[in-house]
Amino acid sequence: MRFLAYIYVCLSIFLCSDYALSEPVKISIEKDSNNVSWTAVGNPGFLRINGEGGHVEGVLQDDGKMASGVLYVQLDSFSTGMDLRNEHMKKKYLETEKYPKATLQIDQLVYLPGEFDWKGKLDLHGKIVEVKGKAVVSPAGTGKSVVATFQVLLSDFAIAVPSYLGVTMAEKVDVSVKFKTEK
């Protein structure tokens, strides 16, 4: 009987400890510790258009198992490797002067090592649409490394499918976000 009382007391102390009652930890994601890129397939299909140079910023709340928060990326930061294509992408299609950033609201991202499905709300080009993707969370030093991927359908955001001189980009765009956090 004393043994059960001892277990009960130990369990009560643990459950009422700072660990169990702690507030979620704020995780700031700094611009220079990550990257965002996207890939779209052109028609003809051998053409791949890559947008690189994006950096996500924002704050996540980590409760020890799940993370949530708001992340954003400045759309002017992307480059496709060609000045004319960059100009068309930013001015004609993304309209970055009117819509300078994309924002992703993540409600619940499993923040434990492993591969998980996630969903959130993407605000792009003045439209908010639910997106779903995959995330791989790995230990990294004293923090974690996250690689999240998802797909954007241009028509969901009222963005015309880019086309120039007979080359038309696919409506689906694959997005990849990589960042590291420290705790």
C-alpha atoms as a PDB file:
ATOM      1  CA  MET A   1       0.000   0.000   0.000  1.00  0.00           C
ATOM      2  CA  ARG A   2       2.867   2.386   0.793  1.00  0.00           C
ATOM      3  CA  PHE A   3       4.350   1.639  -2.619  1.00  0.00           C
ATOM      4  CA  LEU A   4       1.105   2.724  -4.354  1.00  0.00           C
ATOM      5  CA  ALA A   5       1.016   5.885  -2.230  1.00  0.00           C
ATOM      6  CA  TYR A   6       4.639   6.599  -3.236  1.00  0.00           C
ATOM      7  CA  ILE A   7       3.788   6.142  -6.954  1.00  0.00           C
ATOM      8  CA  TYR A   8       0.746   8.410  -6.549  1.00  0.00           C
ATOM      9  CA  VAL A   9       2.830  11.155  -4.905  1.00  0.00           C
ATOM     10  CA  CYS A  10       5.573  10.922  -7.558  1.00  0.00           C
ATOM     11  CA  LEU A  11       3.036  11.020 -10.364  1.00  0.00           C
ATOM     12  CA  SER A  12       1.263  14.011  -8.782  1.00  0.00           C
ATOM     13  CA  ILE A  13       4.546  15.898  -8.436  1.00  0.00           C
ATOM     14  CA  PHE A  14       5.422  15.221 -12.063  1.00  0.00           C
ATOM     15  CA  LEU A  15       2.003  16.239 -13.382  1.00  0.00           C
ATOM     16  CA  CYS A  16       2.031  19.464 -11.370  1.00  0.00           C
ATOM     17  CA  SER A  17       5.634  20.310 -12.165  1.00  0.00           C
ATOM     18  CA  ASP A  18       6.743  23.195 -14.352  1.00  0.00           C
ATOM     19  CA  TYR A  19       7.272  20.707 -17.182  1.00  0.00           C
ATOM     20  CA  ALA A  20       3.650  19.661 -17.284  1.00  0.00           C
ATOM     21  CA  LEU A  21       2.268  23.169 -16.692  1.00  0.00           C
ATOM     22  CA  SER A  22       4.756  25.093 -18.811  1.00  0.00           C
ATOM     23  CA  GLU A  23       3.596  27.584 -21.394  1.00  0.00           C
ATOM     24  CA  PRO A  24       4.342  26.888 -25.046  1.00  0.00           C
ATOM     25  CA  VAL A  25       7.831  27.955 -26.100  1.00  0.00           C
ATOM     26  CA  LYS A  26       8.039  30.678 -28.733  1.00  0.00           C
ATOM     27  CA  ILE A  27      10.284  29.730 -31.627  1.00  0.00           C
ATOM     28  CA  SER A  28      11.407  32.600 -33.827  1.00  0.00           C
ATOM     29  CA  ILE A  29      12.359  31.624 -37.332  1.00  0.00           C
ATOM     30  CA  GLU A  30      15.000  33.997 -38.580  1.00  0.00           C
ATOM     31  CA  LYS A  31      15.278  34.909 -42.238  1.00  0.00           C
ATOM     32  CA  ASP A  32      18.889  33.778 -42.658  1.00  0.00           C
ATOM     33  CA  SER A  33      18.410  30.288 -41.159  1.00  0.00           C
ATOM     34  CA  ASN A  34      16.073  28.860 -43.792  1.00  0.00           C
ATOM     35  CA  ASN A  35      14.968  28.819 -47.392  1.00  0.00           C
ATOM     36  CA  VAL A  36      11.806  28.575 -49.419  1.00  0.00           C
ATOM     37  CA  SER A  37      11.753  27.380 -53.008  1.00  0.00           C
ATOM     38  CA  TRP A  38       9.201  26.307 -55.558  1.00  0.00           C
ATOM     39  CA  THR A  39       9.140  24.274 -58.759  1.00  0.00           C
ATOM     40  CA  ALA A  40       6.674  24.387 -61.624  1.00  0.00           C
ATOM     41  CA  VAL A  41       6.695  22.210 -64.714  1.00  0.00           C
ATOM     42  CA  GLY A  42       6.395  23.940 -68.053  1.00  0.00           C
ATOM     43  CA  ASN A  43       4.790  22.710 -71.225  1.00  0.00           C
ATOM     44  CA  PRO A  44       6.697  21.126 -72.917  1.00  0.00           C
ATOM     45  CA  GLY A  45       7.166  18.876 -69.869  1.00  0.00           C
ATOM     46  CA  PHE A  46      10.964  18.799 -69.885  1.00  0.00           C
ATOM     47  CA  LEU A  47      11.054  22.433 -68.764  1.00  0.00           C
ATOM     48  CA  ARG A  48      11.243  22.978 -65.003  1.00  0.00           C
ATOM     49  CA  ILE A  49      11.008  26.480 -63.596  1.00  0.00           C
ATOM     50  CA  ASN A  50      12.487  26.951 -60.144  1.00  0.00           C
ATOM     51  CA  GLY A  51      11.930  29.892 -57.837  1.00  0.00           C
ATOM     52  CA  GLU A  52      14.674  30.244 -55.251  1.00  0.00           C
ATOM     53  CA  GLY A  53      15.856  32.776 -52.718  1.00  0.00           C
ATOM     54  CA  GLY A  54      12.746  32.973 -50.566  1.00  0.00           C
ATOM     55  CA  HIS A  55      13.152  33.108 -46.784  1.00  0.00           C
ATOM     56  CA  VAL A  56      10.412  32.359 -44.319  1.00  0.00           C
ATOM     57  CA  GLU A  57      10.037  34.462 -41.178  1.00  0.00           C
ATOM     58  CA  GLY A  58       7.674  34.172 -38.257  1.00  0.00           C
ATOM     59  CA  VAL A  59       7.031  32.682 -34.853  1.00  0.00           C
ATOM     60  CA  LEU A  60       5.826  29.230 -33.876  1.00  0.00           C
ATOM     61  CA  GLN A  61       4.549  28.153 -30.479  1.00  0.00           C
ATOM     62  CA  ASP A  62       5.961  24.766 -29.391  1.00  0.00           C
ATOM     63  CA  ASP A  63       4.136  22.933 -26.605  1.00  0.00           C
ATOM     64  CA  GLY A  64       6.573  19.998 -26.671  1.00  0.00           C
ATOM     65  CA  LYS A  65       4.599  17.915 -29.174  1.00  0.00           C
ATOM     66  CA  MET A  66       2.842  20.320 -31.540  1.00  0.00           C
ATOM     67  CA  ALA A  67       3.744  23.644 -33.112  1.00  0.00           C
ATOM     68  CA  SER A  68       1.445  26.353 -34.390  1.00  0.00           C
ATOM     69  CA  GLY A  69       1.899  29.900 -35.584  1.00  0.00           C
ATOM     70  CA  VAL A  70       2.213  32.223 -38.548  1.00  0.00           C
ATOM     71  CA  LEU A  71       4.988  32.184 -41.132  1.00  0.00           C
ATOM     72  CA  TYR A  72       5.438  34.490 -44.097  1.00  0.00           C
ATOM     73  CA  VAL A  73       7.709  35.008 -47.086  1.00  0.00           C
ATOM     74  CA  GLN A  74       8.352  38.162 -49.109  1.00  0.00           C
ATOM     75  CA  LEU A  75       7.408  37.267 -52.688  1.00  0.00           C
ATOM     76  CA  ASP A  76       9.878  39.728 -54.238  1.00  0.00           C
ATOM     77  CA  SER A  77      12.733  37.640 -52.842  1.00  0.00           C
ATOM     78  CA  PHE A  78      12.240  34.797 -55.347  1.00  0.00           C
ATOM     79  CA  SER A  79      14.322  34.516 -58.479  1.00  0.00           C
ATOM     80  CA  THR A  80      13.829  32.162 -61.415  1.00  0.00           C
ATOM     81  CA  GLY A  81      17.258  32.822 -62.872  1.00  0.00           C
ATOM     82  CA  MET A  82      15.978  34.999 -65.739  1.00  0.00           C
ATOM     83  CA  ASP A  83      15.317  38.731 -65.399  1.00  0.00           C
ATOM     84  CA  LEU A  84      12.382  38.846 -67.837  1.00  0.00           C
ATOM     85  CA  ARG A  85      10.715  35.805 -66.225  1.00  0.00           C
ATOM     86  CA  ASN A  86      11.240  37.366 -62.776  1.00  0.00           C
ATOM     87  CA  GLU A  87       9.600  40.583 -63.950  1.00  0.00           C
ATOM     88  CA  HIS A  88       6.603  38.704 -65.373  1.00  0.00           C
ATOM     89  CA  MET A  89       6.282  36.527 -62.249  1.00  0.00           C
ATOM     90  CA  LYS A  90       6.386  39.467 -59.838  1.00  0.00           C
ATOM     91  CA  LYS A  91       4.459  42.123 -61.772  1.00  0.00           C
ATOM     92  CA  LYS A  92       1.998  40.243 -63.976  1.00  0.00           C
ATOM     93  CA  TYR A  93       1.179  37.075 -62.023  1.00  0.00           C
ATOM     94  CA  LEU A  94       1.945  37.507 -58.311  1.00  0.00           C
ATOM     95  CA  GLU A  95       1.377  41.287 -58.390  1.00  0.00           C
ATOM     96  CA  THR A  96       3.905  41.757 -55.595  1.00  0.00           C
ATOM     97  CA  GLU A  97       3.324  45.515 -55.357  1.00  0.00           C
ATOM     98  CA  LYS A  98      -0.278  44.806 -54.326  1.00  0.00           C
ATOM     99  CA  TYR A  99       0.391  41.477 -52.524  1.00  0.00           C
ATOM    100  CA  PRO A 100       3.987  41.647 -51.215  1.00  0.00           C
ATOM    101  CA  LYS A 101       3.972  38.489 -49.107  1.00  0.00           C
ATOM    102  CA  ALA A 102       2.447  35.064 -48.671  1.00  0.00           C
ATOM    103  CA  THR A 103       1.360  34.084 -45.158  1.00  0.00           C
ATOM    104  CA  LEU A 104       0.868  30.570 -43.810  1.00  0.00           C
ATOM    105  CA  GLN A 105      -1.175  30.010 -40.640  1.00  0.00           C
ATOM    106  CA  ILE A 106      -0.270  26.623 -39.153  1.00  0.00           C
ATOM    107  CA  ASP A 107      -2.685  25.369 -36.511  1.00  0.00           C
ATOM    108  CA  GLN A 108      -1.087  22.037 -35.634  1.00  0.00           C
ATOM    109  CA  LEU A 109       2.199  20.679 -36.906  1.00  0.00           C
ATOM    110  CA  VAL A 110       3.490  17.596 -35.112  1.00  0.00           C
ATOM    111  CA  TYR A 111       6.806  18.859 -33.772  1.00  0.00           C
ATOM    112  CA  LEU A 112       8.424  15.563 -32.830  1.00  0.00           C
ATOM    113  CA  PRO A 113      11.070  13.728 -34.877  1.00  0.00           C
ATOM    114  CA  GLY A 114       9.448  11.894 -37.787  1.00  0.00           C
ATOM    115  CA  GLU A 115       7.388  12.436 -40.925  1.00  0.00           C
ATOM    116  CA  PHE A 116       3.902  13.875 -40.559  1.00  0.00           C
ATOM    117  CA  ASP A 117       0.992  15.306 -42.532  1.00  0.00           C
ATOM    118  CA  TRP A 118       0.061  18.906 -41.747  1.00  0.00           C
ATOM    119  CA  LYS A 119      -2.428  21.506 -42.873  1.00  0.00           C
ATOM    120  CA  GLY A 120      -2.720  25.235 -42.686  1.00  0.00           C
ATOM    121  CA  LYS A 121      -4.231  28.291 -44.331  1.00  0.00           C
ATOM    122  CA  LEU A 122      -2.220  30.008 -47.048  1.00  0.00           C
ATOM    123  CA  ASP A 123      -2.922  33.679 -47.756  1.00  0.00           C
ATOM    124  CA  LEU A 124      -1.579  34.374 -51.249  1.00  0.00           C
ATOM    125  CA  HIS A 125      -2.640  36.968 -53.812  1.00  0.00           C
ATOM    126  CA  GLY A 126      -5.487  38.148 -51.557  1.00  0.00           C
ATOM    127  CA  LYS A 127      -7.065  34.695 -51.210  1.00  0.00           C
ATOM    128  CA  ILE A 128      -6.963  32.361 -48.199  1.00  0.00           C
ATOM    129  CA  VAL A 129      -7.030  28.651 -49.009  1.00  0.00           C
ATOM    130  CA  GLU A 130      -6.414  25.561 -46.884  1.00  0.00           C
ATOM    131  CA  VAL A 131      -3.284  23.694 -47.948  1.00  0.00           C
ATOM    132  CA  LYS A 132      -2.026  20.273 -46.903  1.00  0.00           C
ATOM    133  CA  GLY A 133       1.459  18.890 -46.984  1.00  0.00           C
ATOM    134  CA  LYS A 134       4.149  16.692 -45.501  1.00  0.00           C
ATOM    135  CA  ALA A 135       6.742  17.666 -42.919  1.00  0.00           C
ATOM    136  CA  VAL A 136       9.897  15.877 -41.814  1.00  0.00           C
ATOM    137  CA  VAL A 137      11.114  16.961 -38.378  1.00  0.00           C
ATOM    138  CA  SER A 138      14.640  15.943 -37.345  1.00  0.00           C
ATOM    139  CA  PRO A 139      16.822  16.660 -34.325  1.00  0.00           C
ATOM    140  CA  ALA A 140      19.438  19.336 -35.144  1.00  0.00           C
ATOM    141  CA  GLY A 141      21.910  20.297 -32.435  1.00  0.00           C
ATOM    142  CA  THR A 142      19.919  21.826 -29.613  1.00  0.00           C
ATOM    143  CA  GLY A 143      16.878  22.391 -31.834  1.00  0.00           C
ATOM    144  CA  LYS A 144      15.070  20.816 -34.733  1.00  0.00           C
ATOM    145  CA  SER A 145      15.249  20.842 -38.509  1.00  0.00           C
ATOM    146  CA  VAL A 146      12.003  20.975 -40.474  1.00  0.00           C
ATOM    147  CA  VAL A 147      11.417  20.315 -44.161  1.00  0.00           C
ATOM    148  CA  ALA A 148       7.816  20.962 -45.170  1.00  0.00           C
ATOM    149  CA  THR A 149       6.383  20.519 -48.643  1.00  0.00           C
ATOM    150  CA  PHE A 150       3.021  21.327 -50.141  1.00  0.00           C
ATOM    151  CA  GLN A 151       1.370  22.049 -53.462  1.00  0.00           C
ATOM    152  CA  VAL A 152      -0.301  25.267 -54.601  1.00  0.00           C
ATOM    153  CA  LEU A 153      -2.965  25.308 -57.282  1.00  0.00           C
ATOM    154  CA  LEU A 154      -2.729  28.723 -59.003  1.00  0.00           C
ATOM    155  CA  SER A 155      -6.469  28.891 -59.775  1.00  0.00           C
ATOM    156  CA  ASP A 156      -7.252  28.637 -56.035  1.00  0.00           C
ATOM    157  CA  PHE A 157      -5.562  32.023 -55.627  1.00  0.00           C
ATOM    158  CA  ALA A 158      -6.925  33.696 -58.788  1.00  0.00           C
ATOM    159  CA  ILE A 159      -3.452  33.658 -60.368  1.00  0.00           C
ATOM    160  CA  ALA A 160      -3.414  33.170 -64.134  1.00  0.00           C
ATOM    161  CA  VAL A 161      -1.316  30.284 -65.418  1.00  0.00           C
ATOM    162  CA  PRO A 162       1.898  31.914 -66.703  1.00  0.00           C
ATOM    163  CA  SER A 163       2.523  31.631 -70.427  1.00  0.00           C
ATOM    164  CA  TYR A 164       5.116  33.267 -72.659  1.00  0.00           C
ATOM    165  CA  LEU A 165       6.129  32.605 -76.275  1.00  0.00           C
ATOM    166  CA  GLY A 166       4.389  29.242 -76.417  1.00  0.00           C
ATOM    167  CA  VAL A 167       5.696  27.979 -73.079  1.00  0.00           C
ATOM    168  CA  THR A 168       2.955  27.510 -70.498  1.00  0.00           C
ATOM    169  CA  MET A 169       3.591  26.672 -66.876  1.00  0.00           C
ATOM    170  CA  ALA A 170       1.550  23.977 -65.129  1.00  0.00           C
ATOM    171  CA  GLU A 171      -1.158  25.131 -62.737  1.00  0.00           C
ATOM    172  CA  LYS A 172       0.328  23.124 -59.854  1.00  0.00           C
ATOM    173  CA  VAL A 173       3.384  24.515 -58.073  1.00  0.00           C
ATOM    174  CA  ASP A 174       5.410  22.442 -55.588  1.00  0.00           C
ATOM    175  CA  VAL A 175       6.657  24.448 -52.598  1.00  0.00           C
ATOM    176  CA  SER A 176       9.440  23.449 -50.178  1.00  0.00           C
ATOM    177  CA  VAL A 177      10.214  25.198 -46.884  1.00  0.00           C
ATOM    178  CA  LYS A 178      13.322  24.313 -44.849  1.00  0.00           C
ATOM    179  CA  PHE A 179      14.221  25.808 -41.499  1.00  0.00           C
ATOM    180  CA  LYS A 180      16.074  25.078 -38.275  1.00  0.00           C
ATOM    181  CA  THR A 181      15.090  26.100 -34.789  1.00  0.00           C
ATOM    182  CA  GLU A 182      17.102  26.387 -31.600  1.00  0.00           C
ATOM    183  CA  LYS A 183      15.785  25.772 -28.121  1.00  0.00           C
END
